[in-house]
Amino acid sequence: MGFTFLTANRPINTSRLPPPPTFTEVRCDSKNCDFKEIRNFERGDYILKALNIHCPKCGSGLTIHGIYTIKEEKDQAPS
C-alpha cells in the first residue's frame, strides 16, 4: 500500500520517443568477394544469421555480420 501512495500523484509520461534507427550489415560469405550491404533492421535479424538471398556479385550466400543502432547526440554548447 505504501508504493501506491507514493506513486498515486505522479504524472504519467505518455510522450514516448520513437526508437532510434537500427541497421543490419549483410556481407557475402565468399572470401574473394567484397560485397557489403547496409539495410534497415528487420524483426528476426541476428548476427551470423545465414540469409536465403544470394550475393548479386558472385552468387554465394549472404550472412548478417552486424546490427547497429544510431543514437543522436544532443547539441552541447561550447565551453
N, C-alpha and C. Protein backbone atom coordinates (compact mmCIF):
# COMPACT_ATOMS: atom_id res chain seq x y z
N MET A 1 0.82 -1.19 0.00
CA MET A 1 0.00 0.00 0.00
C MET A 1 0.87 1.26 0.00
N GLY A 2 2.04 1.18 0.60
CA GLY A 2 2.91 2.34 0.64
C GLY A 2 3.34 2.76 -0.76
N PHE A 3 3.60 1.80 -1.64
CA PHE A 3 4.00 2.10 -3.01
C PHE A 3 2.88 2.82 -3.75
N THR A 4 1.66 2.42 -3.50
CA THR A 4 0.51 3.05 -4.15
C THR A 4 0.41 4.52 -3.75
N PHE A 5 0.61 4.81 -2.48
CA PHE A 5 0.55 6.20 -2.02
C PHE A 5 1.68 7.04 -2.60
N LEU A 6 2.85 6.45 -2.78
CA LEU A 6 3.99 7.18 -3.32
C LEU A 6 3.82 7.52 -4.80
N THR A 7 3.19 6.64 -5.54
CA THR A 7 3.08 6.83 -6.99
C THR A 7 1.71 7.36 -7.43
N ALA A 8 0.78 7.56 -6.53
CA ALA A 8 -0.58 7.97 -6.89
C ALA A 8 -0.61 9.35 -7.53
N ASN A 9 0.18 10.28 -7.08
CA ASN A 9 0.14 11.64 -7.60
C ASN A 9 1.17 11.89 -8.69
N ARG A 10 1.92 10.89 -9.05
CA ARG A 10 2.94 11.05 -10.09
C ARG A 10 2.28 11.12 -11.47
N PRO A 11 2.63 12.13 -12.28
CA PRO A 11 2.04 12.22 -13.61
C PRO A 11 2.53 11.08 -14.51
N ILE A 12 1.67 10.65 -15.38
CA ILE A 12 2.01 9.57 -16.32
C ILE A 12 2.64 10.19 -17.55
N ASN A 13 3.80 9.67 -17.95
CA ASN A 13 4.52 10.16 -19.13
C ASN A 13 4.00 9.43 -20.36
N THR A 14 3.14 10.09 -21.13
CA THR A 14 2.56 9.47 -22.32
C THR A 14 3.32 9.82 -23.59
N SER A 15 4.26 10.75 -23.50
CA SER A 15 5.01 11.14 -24.70
C SER A 15 6.26 10.27 -24.81
N ARG A 16 6.18 9.23 -25.59
CA ARG A 16 7.31 8.33 -25.80
C ARG A 16 8.02 8.71 -27.09
N LEU A 17 9.33 8.71 -27.02
CA LEU A 17 10.11 8.99 -28.22
C LEU A 17 10.18 7.73 -29.07
N PRO A 18 10.22 7.89 -30.39
CA PRO A 18 10.36 6.71 -31.24
C PRO A 18 11.75 6.10 -31.03
N PRO A 19 11.88 4.79 -31.24
CA PRO A 19 13.19 4.16 -31.05
C PRO A 19 14.19 4.69 -32.08
N PRO A 20 15.47 4.70 -31.74
CA PRO A 20 16.47 5.18 -32.70
C PRO A 20 16.56 4.22 -33.90
N PRO A 21 17.00 4.72 -35.05
CA PRO A 21 17.07 3.85 -36.23
C PRO A 21 18.10 2.73 -36.03
N THR A 22 17.75 1.53 -36.46
CA THR A 22 18.62 0.36 -36.33
C THR A 22 18.87 -0.21 -37.72
N PHE A 23 20.13 -0.55 -38.00
CA PHE A 23 20.53 -1.05 -39.31
C PHE A 23 21.21 -2.41 -39.18
N THR A 24 21.14 -3.19 -40.25
CA THR A 24 21.76 -4.51 -40.32
C THR A 24 22.82 -4.50 -41.40
N GLU A 25 24.00 -5.03 -41.09
CA GLU A 25 25.10 -5.14 -42.06
C GLU A 25 25.13 -6.57 -42.59
N VAL A 26 25.00 -6.70 -43.90
CA VAL A 26 24.98 -8.00 -44.57
C VAL A 26 26.24 -8.11 -45.43
N ARG A 27 26.95 -9.24 -45.33
CA ARG A 27 28.16 -9.46 -46.13
C ARG A 27 28.10 -10.79 -46.86
N CYS A 28 28.85 -10.86 -47.95
CA CYS A 28 28.96 -12.07 -48.74
C CYS A 28 29.82 -13.09 -48.00
N ASP A 29 29.49 -14.38 -48.15
CA ASP A 29 30.23 -15.46 -47.49
C ASP A 29 31.55 -15.78 -48.19
N SER A 30 31.69 -15.43 -49.46
CA SER A 30 32.90 -15.75 -50.22
C SER A 30 34.06 -14.85 -49.78
N LYS A 31 35.23 -15.45 -49.57
CA LYS A 31 36.41 -14.67 -49.17
C LYS A 31 36.93 -13.81 -50.32
N ASN A 32 36.61 -14.16 -51.55
CA ASN A 32 37.09 -13.42 -52.72
C ASN A 32 36.17 -12.25 -53.09
N CYS A 33 35.01 -12.17 -52.46
CA CYS A 33 34.04 -11.14 -52.80
C CYS A 33 33.99 -10.11 -51.66
N ASP A 34 33.87 -8.84 -52.03
CA ASP A 34 33.84 -7.79 -51.02
C ASP A 34 32.47 -7.13 -50.90
N PHE A 35 31.41 -7.83 -51.30
CA PHE A 35 30.07 -7.26 -51.25
C PHE A 35 29.63 -7.04 -49.80
N LYS A 36 29.11 -5.84 -49.53
CA LYS A 36 28.58 -5.49 -48.22
C LYS A 36 27.38 -4.59 -48.44
N GLU A 37 26.33 -4.80 -47.65
CA GLU A 37 25.12 -4.01 -47.78
C GLU A 37 24.64 -3.61 -46.38
N ILE A 38 24.19 -2.38 -46.24
CA ILE A 38 23.58 -1.89 -45.01
C ILE A 38 22.09 -1.70 -45.31
N ARG A 39 21.25 -2.35 -44.54
CA ARG A 39 19.81 -2.24 -44.76
C ARG A 39 19.11 -2.00 -43.43
N ASN A 40 17.84 -1.65 -43.47
CA ASN A 40 17.06 -1.44 -42.25
C ASN A 40 16.91 -2.76 -41.51
N PHE A 41 16.94 -2.70 -40.20
CA PHE A 41 16.76 -3.88 -39.37
C PHE A 41 15.37 -4.45 -39.58
N GLU A 42 15.30 -5.77 -39.65
CA GLU A 42 14.02 -6.45 -39.78
C GLU A 42 13.85 -7.38 -38.59
N ARG A 43 12.63 -7.53 -38.13
CA ARG A 43 12.36 -8.43 -37.00
C ARG A 43 12.88 -9.84 -37.34
N GLY A 44 13.63 -10.43 -36.42
CA GLY A 44 14.19 -11.76 -36.63
C GLY A 44 15.66 -11.73 -37.05
N ASP A 45 16.21 -10.54 -37.31
CA ASP A 45 17.63 -10.43 -37.65
C ASP A 45 18.49 -10.71 -36.42
N TYR A 46 19.57 -11.44 -36.61
CA TYR A 46 20.57 -11.64 -35.56
C TYR A 46 21.92 -11.88 -36.22
N ILE A 47 22.99 -11.62 -35.48
CA ILE A 47 24.34 -11.73 -36.03
C ILE A 47 24.64 -13.20 -36.35
N LEU A 48 25.30 -13.41 -37.48
CA LEU A 48 25.68 -14.71 -38.05
C LEU A 48 24.49 -15.50 -38.60
N LYS A 49 23.38 -14.83 -38.85
CA LYS A 49 22.22 -15.48 -39.48
C LYS A 49 22.48 -15.60 -40.97
N ALA A 50 22.38 -16.81 -41.49
CA ALA A 50 22.52 -17.04 -42.92
C ALA A 50 21.19 -16.66 -43.59
N LEU A 51 21.28 -15.86 -44.64
CA LEU A 51 20.09 -15.40 -45.34
C LEU A 51 19.81 -16.27 -46.55
N ASN A 52 18.57 -16.31 -46.98
CA ASN A 52 18.17 -17.08 -48.16
C ASN A 52 18.28 -16.23 -49.42
N ILE A 53 19.26 -15.34 -49.44
CA ILE A 53 19.49 -14.45 -50.57
C ILE A 53 20.90 -14.69 -51.07
N HIS A 54 21.09 -14.61 -52.37
CA HIS A 54 22.42 -14.81 -52.94
C HIS A 54 23.07 -13.47 -53.25
N CYS A 55 24.39 -13.45 -53.19
CA CYS A 55 25.18 -12.25 -53.47
C CYS A 55 24.96 -11.82 -54.92
N PRO A 56 24.67 -10.53 -55.14
CA PRO A 56 24.47 -10.06 -56.51
C PRO A 56 25.77 -10.03 -57.32
N LYS A 57 26.92 -10.07 -56.66
CA LYS A 57 28.20 -10.05 -57.38
C LYS A 57 28.66 -11.44 -57.79
N CYS A 58 28.66 -12.40 -56.83
CA CYS A 58 29.26 -13.70 -57.13
C CYS A 58 28.30 -14.88 -56.98
N GLY A 59 27.15 -14.68 -56.38
CA GLY A 59 26.16 -15.75 -56.26
C GLY A 59 26.30 -16.58 -54.99
N SER A 60 27.27 -16.27 -54.12
CA SER A 60 27.42 -17.00 -52.85
C SER A 60 26.32 -16.57 -51.88
N GLY A 61 26.28 -17.22 -50.72
CA GLY A 61 25.29 -16.88 -49.71
C GLY A 61 25.65 -15.58 -49.00
N LEU A 62 24.69 -15.03 -48.29
CA LEU A 62 24.89 -13.81 -47.51
C LEU A 62 24.62 -14.10 -46.03
N THR A 63 25.38 -13.40 -45.17
CA THR A 63 25.25 -13.58 -43.72
C THR A 63 25.21 -12.21 -43.05
N ILE A 64 24.44 -12.11 -41.97
CA ILE A 64 24.40 -10.87 -41.19
C ILE A 64 25.65 -10.82 -40.31
N HIS A 65 26.41 -9.74 -40.43
CA HIS A 65 27.64 -9.59 -39.65
C HIS A 65 27.56 -8.51 -38.59
N GLY A 66 26.53 -7.69 -38.57
CA GLY A 66 26.42 -6.66 -37.55
C GLY A 66 25.04 -6.03 -37.52
N ILE A 67 24.67 -5.57 -36.33
CA ILE A 67 23.42 -4.85 -36.14
C ILE A 67 23.78 -3.61 -35.33
N TYR A 68 23.42 -2.44 -35.85
CA TYR A 68 23.84 -1.18 -35.27
C TYR A 68 22.65 -0.27 -35.02
N THR A 69 22.70 0.44 -33.90
CA THR A 69 21.72 1.46 -33.58
C THR A 69 22.41 2.80 -33.63
N ILE A 70 21.82 3.76 -34.31
CA ILE A 70 22.38 5.10 -34.43
C ILE A 70 21.71 5.97 -33.37
N LYS A 71 22.49 6.41 -32.39
CA LYS A 71 21.96 7.29 -31.35
C LYS A 71 22.31 8.73 -31.70
N GLU A 72 21.32 9.60 -31.64
CA GLU A 72 21.55 11.00 -31.93
C GLU A 72 22.04 11.68 -30.66
N GLU A 73 23.11 12.47 -30.80
CA GLU A 73 23.64 13.19 -29.65
C GLU A 73 22.98 14.56 -29.58
N LYS A 74 22.71 15.00 -28.37
CA LYS A 74 22.12 16.32 -28.18
C LYS A 74 23.21 17.37 -28.38
N ASP A 75 22.82 18.48 -28.97
CA ASP A 75 23.79 19.57 -29.18
C ASP A 75 24.22 20.13 -27.84
N GLN A 76 25.51 20.26 -27.68
CA GLN A 76 26.04 20.82 -26.45
C GLN A 76 26.68 22.16 -26.76
N ALA A 77 26.45 23.13 -25.91
CA ALA A 77 27.03 24.44 -26.09
C ALA A 77 28.53 24.38 -25.83
N PRO A 78 29.35 25.03 -26.67
CA PRO A 78 30.79 25.00 -26.44
C PRO A 78 31.14 25.70 -25.13
N SER A 79 32.15 25.18 -24.46
CA SER A 79 32.55 25.74 -23.16
C SER A 79 33.45 26.93 -23.33
